Amino acid sequence: MNEDELELLKRSRQGDIEAWKSLIDIYSVRLAAYIGARLRRPEIVDKLVADTVYVAWKHLPELEEDKDFPSWFRKMGGSVTMRWYKRNHGEGISGDFPIQRVSEVDQAEELAALDKALGKMPEKQRMALEQRFRAGLQGEALAEVLHASVEDAEMLVEESLKHLHKFLNK
């Protein structure tokens, strides 16, 4: 976390809801990418992120001073997701890309092909793409989320893009 984010965290821990909103603006996108790489249902991912924000706010006073907020928040999201999955175990974890959000037939077909390609990728590759392009992570931040060195994380993104490109151009 940078100095500004640490200040937002400090103020949030003191009950400053505006600071919390600012902190969440940064970290909710990363959490959505993290959950979305595993649970390919955008409407459920959005709900789980919102639930995590609420649960994390309630438990923020319990966060130890020296605890890493991004990891804590991601673990909180993982716990919320697992509880949802246990309650809804009959539901699939994948769903069609929301192509109803586009009006042009060509775009809908392209998005359907993209969704199919993403669905055939290994989770680690989807995670790399989600974190790079949805969460906007690069360098050390990307490496931390992927549990890899910076070089390995960048290589994984490149491999994932090649895999995706190859599948889409069949």
C-alpha atoms as a PDB file:
ATOM      1  CA  MET A   1       0.000   0.000   0.000  1.00  0.00           C
ATOM      2  CA  ASN A   2       1.223   3.491  -0.716  1.00  0.00           C
ATOM      3  CA  GLU A   3       1.205   6.323   1.830  1.00  0.00           C
ATOM      4  CA  ASP A   4      -2.161   7.705   0.689  1.00  0.00           C
ATOM      5  CA  GLU A   5      -3.787   4.285   0.999  1.00  0.00           C
ATOM      6  CA  LEU A   6      -2.268   3.768   4.442  1.00  0.00           C
ATOM      7  CA  GLU A   7      -3.729   7.110   5.512  1.00  0.00           C
ATOM      8  CA  LEU A   8      -7.143   6.068   4.153  1.00  0.00           C
ATOM      9  CA  LEU A   9      -6.877   2.813   6.092  1.00  0.00           C
ATOM     10  CA  LYS A  10      -5.949   4.648   9.288  1.00  0.00           C
ATOM     11  CA  ARG A  11      -8.887   7.035   8.917  1.00  0.00           C
ATOM     12  CA  SER A  12     -11.214   4.142   8.050  1.00  0.00           C
ATOM     13  CA  ARG A  13     -10.198   2.314  11.203  1.00  0.00           C
ATOM     14  CA  GLN A  14     -11.208   5.451  13.098  1.00  0.00           C
ATOM     15  CA  GLY A  15     -14.705   5.273  11.583  1.00  0.00           C
ATOM     16  CA  ASP A  16     -14.296   7.688   8.656  1.00  0.00           C
ATOM     17  CA  ILE A  17     -16.801   6.343   6.117  1.00  0.00           C
ATOM     18  CA  GLU A  18     -15.561   8.651   3.331  1.00  0.00           C
ATOM     19  CA  ALA A  19     -12.026   7.310   3.736  1.00  0.00           C
ATOM     20  CA  TRP A  20     -13.457   3.773   3.643  1.00  0.00           C
ATOM     21  CA  LYS A  21     -15.303   4.532   0.398  1.00  0.00           C
ATOM     22  CA  SER A  22     -12.082   5.839  -1.143  1.00  0.00           C
ATOM     23  CA  LEU A  23     -10.131   2.782  -0.015  1.00  0.00           C
ATOM     24  CA  ILE A  24     -12.832   0.483  -1.346  1.00  0.00           C
ATOM     25  CA  ASP A  25     -12.833   2.289  -4.704  1.00  0.00           C
ATOM     26  CA  ILE A  26      -9.249   1.063  -5.059  1.00  0.00           C
ATOM     27  CA  TYR A  27      -9.525  -2.453  -3.656  1.00  0.00           C
ATOM     28  CA  SER A  28     -13.009  -3.539  -4.749  1.00  0.00           C
ATOM     29  CA  VAL A  29     -11.915  -3.703  -8.391  1.00  0.00           C
ATOM     30  CA  ARG A  30      -9.026  -5.963  -7.426  1.00  0.00           C
ATOM     31  CA  LEU A  31     -11.343  -8.139  -5.372  1.00  0.00           C
ATOM     32  CA  ALA A  32     -13.814  -8.398  -8.267  1.00  0.00           C
ATOM     33  CA  ALA A  33     -10.974  -9.548 -10.523  1.00  0.00           C
ATOM     34  CA  TYR A  34      -9.831 -12.063  -7.898  1.00  0.00           C
ATOM     35  CA  ILE A  35     -13.295 -13.552  -7.383  1.00  0.00           C
ATOM     36  CA  GLY A  36     -14.192 -13.236 -11.066  1.00  0.00           C
ATOM     37  CA  ALA A  37     -11.288 -15.428 -12.139  1.00  0.00           C
ATOM     38  CA  ARG A  38     -12.833 -18.265 -10.133  1.00  0.00           C
ATOM     39  CA  LEU A  39     -16.547 -17.544 -10.305  1.00  0.00           C
ATOM     40  CA  ARG A  40     -17.472 -16.599 -13.834  1.00  0.00           C
ATOM     41  CA  ARG A  41     -20.868 -15.066 -13.053  1.00  0.00           C
ATOM     42  CA  PRO A  42     -20.564 -11.252 -13.113  1.00  0.00           C
ATOM     43  CA  GLU A  43     -23.842 -10.558 -11.303  1.00  0.00           C
ATOM     44  CA  ILE A  44     -22.835 -12.842  -8.426  1.00  0.00           C
ATOM     45  CA  VAL A  45     -19.303 -11.418  -8.324  1.00  0.00           C
ATOM     46  CA  ASP A  46     -20.751  -7.911  -7.927  1.00  0.00           C
ATOM     47  CA  LYS A  47     -22.969  -9.102  -5.069  1.00  0.00           C
ATOM     48  CA  LEU A  48     -20.075 -10.878  -3.346  1.00  0.00           C
ATOM     49  CA  VAL A  49     -17.870  -7.790  -3.572  1.00  0.00           C
ATOM     50  CA  ALA A  50     -20.640  -5.682  -2.040  1.00  0.00           C
ATOM     51  CA  ASP A  51     -21.137  -8.246   0.731  1.00  0.00           C
ATOM     52  CA  THR A  52     -17.394  -8.284   1.387  1.00  0.00           C
ATOM     53  CA  VAL A  53     -17.264  -4.504   1.661  1.00  0.00           C
ATOM     54  CA  TYR A  54     -19.990  -4.645   4.303  1.00  0.00           C
ATOM     55  CA  VAL A  55     -18.414  -7.533   6.241  1.00  0.00           C
ATOM     56  CA  ALA A  56     -14.961  -5.958   6.072  1.00  0.00           C
ATOM     57  CA  TRP A  57     -16.300  -2.633   7.402  1.00  0.00           C
ATOM     58  CA  LYS A  58     -17.878  -4.462  10.349  1.00  0.00           C
ATOM     59  CA  HIS A  59     -14.614  -6.308  11.089  1.00  0.00           C
ATOM     60  CA  LEU A  60     -12.209  -3.453  10.364  1.00  0.00           C
ATOM     61  CA  PRO A  61     -11.663  -2.673  14.069  1.00  0.00           C
ATOM     62  CA  GLU A  62     -10.352  -6.239  14.478  1.00  0.00           C
ATOM     63  CA  LEU A  63      -7.681  -5.734  11.800  1.00  0.00           C
ATOM     64  CA  GLU A  64      -4.304  -5.663  13.515  1.00  0.00           C
ATOM     65  CA  GLU A  65      -2.179  -2.551  12.933  1.00  0.00           C
ATOM     66  CA  ASP A  66       0.608  -4.411  11.159  1.00  0.00           C
ATOM     67  CA  LYS A  67      -1.719  -6.648   9.087  1.00  0.00           C
ATOM     68  CA  ASP A  68      -1.536  -6.344   5.297  1.00  0.00           C
ATOM     69  CA  PHE A  69      -4.894  -4.831   4.276  1.00  0.00           C
ATOM     70  CA  PRO A  70      -4.925  -6.048   0.632  1.00  0.00           C
ATOM     71  CA  SER A  71      -4.360  -9.665   1.710  1.00  0.00           C
ATOM     72  CA  TRP A  72      -6.841  -9.368   4.578  1.00  0.00           C
ATOM     73  CA  PHE A  73      -9.492  -7.892   2.277  1.00  0.00           C
ATOM     74  CA  ARG A  74      -8.878 -10.573  -0.377  1.00  0.00           C
ATOM     75  CA  LYS A  75      -9.153 -13.330   2.270  1.00  0.00           C
ATOM     76  CA  MET A  76     -12.340 -11.721   3.552  1.00  0.00           C
ATOM     77  CA  GLY A  77     -13.697 -11.855  -0.013  1.00  0.00           C
ATOM     78  CA  GLY A  78     -12.661 -15.491  -0.293  1.00  0.00           C
ATOM     79  CA  SER A  79     -14.532 -16.321   2.916  1.00  0.00           C
ATOM     80  CA  VAL A  80     -17.667 -14.511   1.760  1.00  0.00           C
ATOM     81  CA  THR A  81     -17.449 -16.344  -1.573  1.00  0.00           C
ATOM     82  CA  MET A  82     -17.039 -19.741   0.075  1.00  0.00           C
ATOM     83  CA  ARG A  83     -20.061 -19.102   2.328  1.00  0.00           C
ATOM     84  CA  TRP A  84     -22.097 -18.161  -0.752  1.00  0.00           C
ATOM     85  CA  TYR A  85     -20.921 -21.298  -2.566  1.00  0.00           C
ATOM     86  CA  LYS A  86     -21.820 -23.566   0.369  1.00  0.00           C
ATOM     87  CA  ARG A  87     -25.311 -22.043   0.569  1.00  0.00           C
ATOM     88  CA  ASN A  88     -25.760 -22.233  -3.210  1.00  0.00           C
ATOM     89  CA  HIS A  89     -23.841 -25.398  -4.027  1.00  0.00           C
ATOM     90  CA  GLY A  90     -26.414 -26.414  -6.614  1.00  0.00           C
ATOM     91  CA  GLU A  91     -25.674 -23.374  -8.734  1.00  0.00           C
ATOM     92  CA  GLY A  92     -22.877 -23.433 -11.256  1.00  0.00           C
ATOM     93  CA  ILE A  93     -19.837 -21.290 -10.802  1.00  0.00           C
ATOM     94  CA  SER A  94     -19.790 -20.332 -14.470  1.00  0.00           C
ATOM     95  CA  GLY A  95     -22.354 -18.478 -16.455  1.00  0.00           C
ATOM     96  CA  ASP A  96     -22.573 -16.970 -19.878  1.00  0.00           C
ATOM     97  CA  PHE A  97     -20.956 -13.611 -20.444  1.00  0.00           C
ATOM     98  CA  PRO A  98     -23.700 -10.981 -20.152  1.00  0.00           C
ATOM     99  CA  ILE A  99     -24.001 -10.468 -23.913  1.00  0.00           C
ATOM    100  CA  GLN A 100     -27.463  -9.001 -23.435  1.00  0.00           C
ATOM    101  CA  ARG A 101     -25.610  -5.808 -22.436  1.00  0.00           C
ATOM    102  CA  VAL A 102     -24.584  -5.210 -26.060  1.00  0.00           C
ATOM    103  CA  SER A 103     -26.958  -4.288 -28.835  1.00  0.00           C
ATOM    104  CA  GLU A 104     -24.976  -5.231 -31.952  1.00  0.00           C
ATOM    105  CA  VAL A 105     -25.110  -8.842 -33.159  1.00  0.00           C
ATOM    106  CA  ASP A 106     -21.430  -8.834 -34.196  1.00  0.00           C
ATOM    107  CA  GLN A 107     -20.354  -7.668 -30.747  1.00  0.00           C
ATOM    108  CA  ALA A 108     -22.517 -10.293 -29.070  1.00  0.00           C
ATOM    109  CA  GLU A 109     -20.930 -13.032 -31.191  1.00  0.00           C
ATOM    110  CA  GLU A 110     -17.425 -11.748 -30.413  1.00  0.00           C
ATOM    111  CA  LEU A 111     -18.184 -11.616 -26.688  1.00  0.00           C
ATOM    112  CA  ALA A 112     -19.631 -15.130 -26.781  1.00  0.00           C
ATOM    113  CA  ALA A 113     -16.410 -16.357 -28.436  1.00  0.00           C
ATOM    114  CA  LEU A 114     -14.323 -14.500 -25.851  1.00  0.00           C
ATOM    115  CA  ASP A 115     -16.341 -16.003 -23.016  1.00  0.00           C
ATOM    116  CA  LYS A 116     -15.899 -19.483 -24.449  1.00  0.00           C
ATOM    117  CA  ALA A 117     -12.144 -18.934 -24.772  1.00  0.00           C
ATOM    118  CA  LEU A 118     -11.844 -17.647 -21.200  1.00  0.00           C
ATOM    119  CA  GLY A 119     -13.833 -20.621 -19.955  1.00  0.00           C
ATOM    120  CA  LYS A 120     -11.332 -23.028 -21.483  1.00  0.00           C
ATOM    121  CA  MET A 121      -8.322 -21.322 -19.915  1.00  0.00           C
ATOM    122  CA  PRO A 122      -6.758 -22.591 -16.695  1.00  0.00           C
ATOM    123  CA  GLU A 123      -7.763 -20.587 -13.624  1.00  0.00           C
ATOM    124  CA  LYS A 124      -4.253 -19.199 -13.129  1.00  0.00           C
ATOM    125  CA  GLN A 125      -4.272 -17.747 -16.664  1.00  0.00           C
ATOM    126  CA  ARG A 126      -7.744 -16.240 -16.160  1.00  0.00           C
ATOM    127  CA  MET A 127      -6.538 -14.793 -12.860  1.00  0.00           C
ATOM    128  CA  ALA A 128      -3.549 -13.169 -14.579  1.00  0.00           C
ATOM    129  CA  LEU A 129      -5.773 -11.554 -17.200  1.00  0.00           C
ATOM    130  CA  GLU A 130      -8.416 -10.479 -14.687  1.00  0.00           C
ATOM    131  CA  GLN A 131      -5.833  -8.874 -12.420  1.00  0.00           C
ATOM    132  CA  ARG A 132      -4.005  -7.133 -15.276  1.00  0.00           C
ATOM    133  CA  PHE A 133      -6.963  -5.865 -17.254  1.00  0.00           C
ATOM    134  CA  ARG A 134      -9.845  -5.564 -14.792  1.00  0.00           C
ATOM    135  CA  ALA A 135      -7.900  -4.614 -11.688  1.00  0.00           C
ATOM    136  CA  GLY A 136      -5.152  -2.809 -13.598  1.00  0.00           C
ATOM    137  CA  LEU A 137      -2.333  -4.418 -11.610  1.00  0.00           C
ATOM    138  CA  GLN A 138       1.243  -4.446 -12.822  1.00  0.00           C
ATOM    139  CA  GLY A 139       4.702  -5.136 -11.461  1.00  0.00           C
ATOM    140  CA  GLU A 140       4.977  -5.937  -7.743  1.00  0.00           C
ATOM    141  CA  ALA A 141       1.224  -5.654  -7.137  1.00  0.00           C
ATOM    142  CA  LEU A 142       0.452  -8.188  -9.866  1.00  0.00           C
ATOM    143  CA  ALA A 143       3.230 -10.504  -8.675  1.00  0.00           C
ATOM    144  CA  GLU A 144       1.904 -10.409  -5.106  1.00  0.00           C
ATOM    145  CA  VAL A 145      -1.626 -11.380  -6.132  1.00  0.00           C
ATOM    146  CA  LEU A 146      -0.375 -14.162  -8.409  1.00  0.00           C
ATOM    147  CA  HIS A 147       2.123 -15.411  -5.801  1.00  0.00           C
ATOM    148  CA  ALA A 148       4.956 -15.152  -8.312  1.00  0.00           C
ATOM    149  CA  SER A 149       8.009 -13.086  -9.085  1.00  0.00           C
ATOM    150  CA  VAL A 150       7.467  -9.971 -11.185  1.00  0.00           C
ATOM    151  CA  GLU A 151       9.084 -11.693 -14.160  1.00  0.00           C
ATOM    152  CA  ASP A 152       6.957 -14.829 -13.784  1.00  0.00           C
ATOM    153  CA  ALA A 153       3.772 -12.773 -13.386  1.00  0.00           C
ATOM    154  CA  GLU A 154       4.502 -10.820 -16.566  1.00  0.00           C
ATOM    155  CA  MET A 155       5.343 -14.040 -18.405  1.00  0.00           C
ATOM    156  CA  LEU A 156       2.037 -15.562 -17.246  1.00  0.00           C
ATOM    157  CA  VAL A 157       0.116 -12.574 -18.613  1.00  0.00           C
ATOM    158  CA  GLU A 158       1.928 -12.901 -21.942  1.00  0.00           C
ATOM    159  CA  GLU A 159       1.289 -16.668 -22.115  1.00  0.00           C
ATOM    160  CA  SER A 160      -2.360 -16.101 -21.233  1.00  0.00           C
ATOM    161  CA  LEU A 161      -2.761 -13.524 -23.998  1.00  0.00           C
ATOM    162  CA  LYS A 162      -1.123 -15.874 -26.517  1.00  0.00           C
ATOM    163  CA  HIS A 163      -3.443 -18.701 -25.436  1.00  0.00           C
ATOM    164  CA  LEU A 164      -6.454 -16.438 -25.758  1.00  0.00           C
ATOM    165  CA  HIS A 165      -5.332 -15.114 -29.135  1.00  0.00           C
ATOM    166  CA  LYS A 166      -4.696 -18.621 -30.460  1.00  0.00           C
ATOM    167  CA  PHE A 167      -8.141 -19.820 -29.352  1.00  0.00           C
ATOM    168  CA  LEU A 168      -9.943 -16.797 -30.801  1.00  0.00           C
ATOM    169  CA  ASN A 169      -8.199 -17.147 -34.167  1.00  0.00           C
ATOM    170  CA  LYS A 170      -9.061 -20.817 -34.755  1.00  0.00           C
END
